[in-house]
């Protein structure tokens, strides 16, 4: 997890800020501050594919002062994304 986080930090340095992670409930959540969440995910996607993690990823974002987390990946997901 730390190695993947370090790679994300390096990869996204000019686009977004990797702001930490949370581990629990059989999940790992990375928190990334980005002005363009979809572009940020698209940049990270090849790394996640190489790490064989893309199949296990749900990527979502939250606008400042908004409720809910629209899901970016998987593209046709009906899964609700929440932060506990």
Protein backbone atom coordinates (compact mmCIF):
# COMPACT_ATOMS: atom_id res chain seq x y z
CA UNK A 1 0.00 0.00 0.00
CA UNK A 2 2.76 2.47 0.91
CA UNK A 3 4.64 1.67 -2.30
CA UNK A 4 1.50 2.29 -4.37
CA UNK A 5 0.84 5.54 -2.50
CA UNK A 6 4.43 6.67 -3.15
CA UNK A 7 4.03 5.92 -6.85
CA UNK A 8 0.77 7.89 -6.95
CA UNK A 9 2.45 10.85 -5.24
CA UNK A 10 5.20 10.89 -7.85
CA UNK A 11 2.90 10.29 -10.81
CA UNK A 12 0.33 12.93 -9.84
CA UNK A 13 2.69 15.58 -8.44
CA UNK A 14 1.89 18.20 -11.10
CA UNK A 15 -1.84 17.40 -11.23
CA UNK A 16 -3.08 16.60 -7.73
CA UNK A 17 -2.05 16.09 -4.11
CA UNK A 18 -2.15 12.64 -2.54
CA UNK A 19 -3.43 13.59 0.91
CA UNK A 20 -3.16 10.28 2.75
CA UNK A 21 -4.97 7.01 3.14
CA UNK A 22 -7.29 5.05 5.40
CA UNK A 23 -7.24 1.32 6.01
CA UNK A 24 -10.20 -0.63 7.35
CA UNK A 25 -13.19 -2.83 6.58
CA UNK A 26 -11.18 -4.79 4.01
CA UNK A 27 -10.61 -1.55 2.10
CA UNK A 28 -7.84 0.91 1.50
CA UNK A 29 -8.87 4.44 0.61
CA UNK A 30 -6.47 6.95 -0.89
CA UNK A 31 -7.47 10.59 -0.55
CA UNK A 32 -6.40 12.74 -3.47
CA UNK A 33 -7.09 16.47 -3.78
CA UNK A 34 -7.66 17.34 -7.42
CA UNK A 35 -9.27 20.09 -9.45
CA UNK A 36 -10.03 17.58 -12.24
CA UNK A 37 -10.87 14.18 -10.70
CA UNK A 38 -11.45 12.44 -14.04
CA UNK A 39 -8.12 13.58 -15.51
CA UNK A 40 -6.40 12.57 -12.29
CA UNK A 41 -7.92 9.08 -12.41
CA UNK A 42 -7.04 8.75 -16.10
CA UNK A 43 -3.41 9.56 -15.27
CA UNK A 44 -3.38 6.99 -12.42
CA UNK A 45 -5.21 4.26 -14.33
CA UNK A 46 -2.17 2.75 -16.13
CA UNK A 47 -0.34 2.50 -12.80
CA UNK A 48 -3.32 0.74 -11.24
CA UNK A 49 -3.49 -1.64 -14.21
CA UNK A 50 0.23 -2.48 -13.94
CA UNK A 51 -0.22 -3.10 -10.22
CA UNK A 52 -3.15 -5.46 -11.03
CA UNK A 53 -5.44 -3.35 -8.85
CA UNK A 54 -7.82 -1.79 -11.38
CA UNK A 55 -10.38 -4.60 -11.00
CA UNK A 56 -10.63 -3.88 -7.27
CA UNK A 57 -10.85 -0.07 -7.53
CA UNK A 58 -13.81 2.18 -7.07
CA UNK A 59 -12.86 5.78 -7.85
CA UNK A 60 -15.16 8.58 -6.73
CA UNK A 61 -14.95 12.26 -5.92
CA UNK A 62 -16.75 14.90 -3.91
CA UNK A 63 -17.14 18.51 -4.88
CA UNK A 64 -16.38 21.06 -2.16
CA UNK A 65 -19.56 21.77 -0.14
CA UNK A 66 -21.45 18.95 -1.87
CA UNK A 67 -23.02 15.75 -0.62
CA UNK A 68 -22.43 12.39 -2.21
CA UNK A 69 -19.60 10.91 -4.22
CA UNK A 70 -20.15 10.43 -7.96
CA UNK A 71 -18.33 7.28 -9.11
CA UNK A 72 -15.79 7.65 -11.92
CA UNK A 73 -14.70 3.99 -12.05
CA UNK A 74 -16.03 1.52 -12.90
CA UNK A 75 -17.69 3.63 -15.55
CA UNK A 76 -21.08 1.91 -15.36
CA UNK A 77 -21.07 1.36 -11.61
CA UNK A 78 -24.32 1.42 -9.67
CA UNK A 79 -22.35 1.12 -6.43
CA UNK A 80 -22.83 3.88 -3.90
CA UNK A 81 -19.53 5.23 -2.58
CA UNK A 82 -19.39 6.30 1.05
CA UNK A 83 -16.81 7.38 3.57
CA UNK A 84 -17.45 5.96 7.03
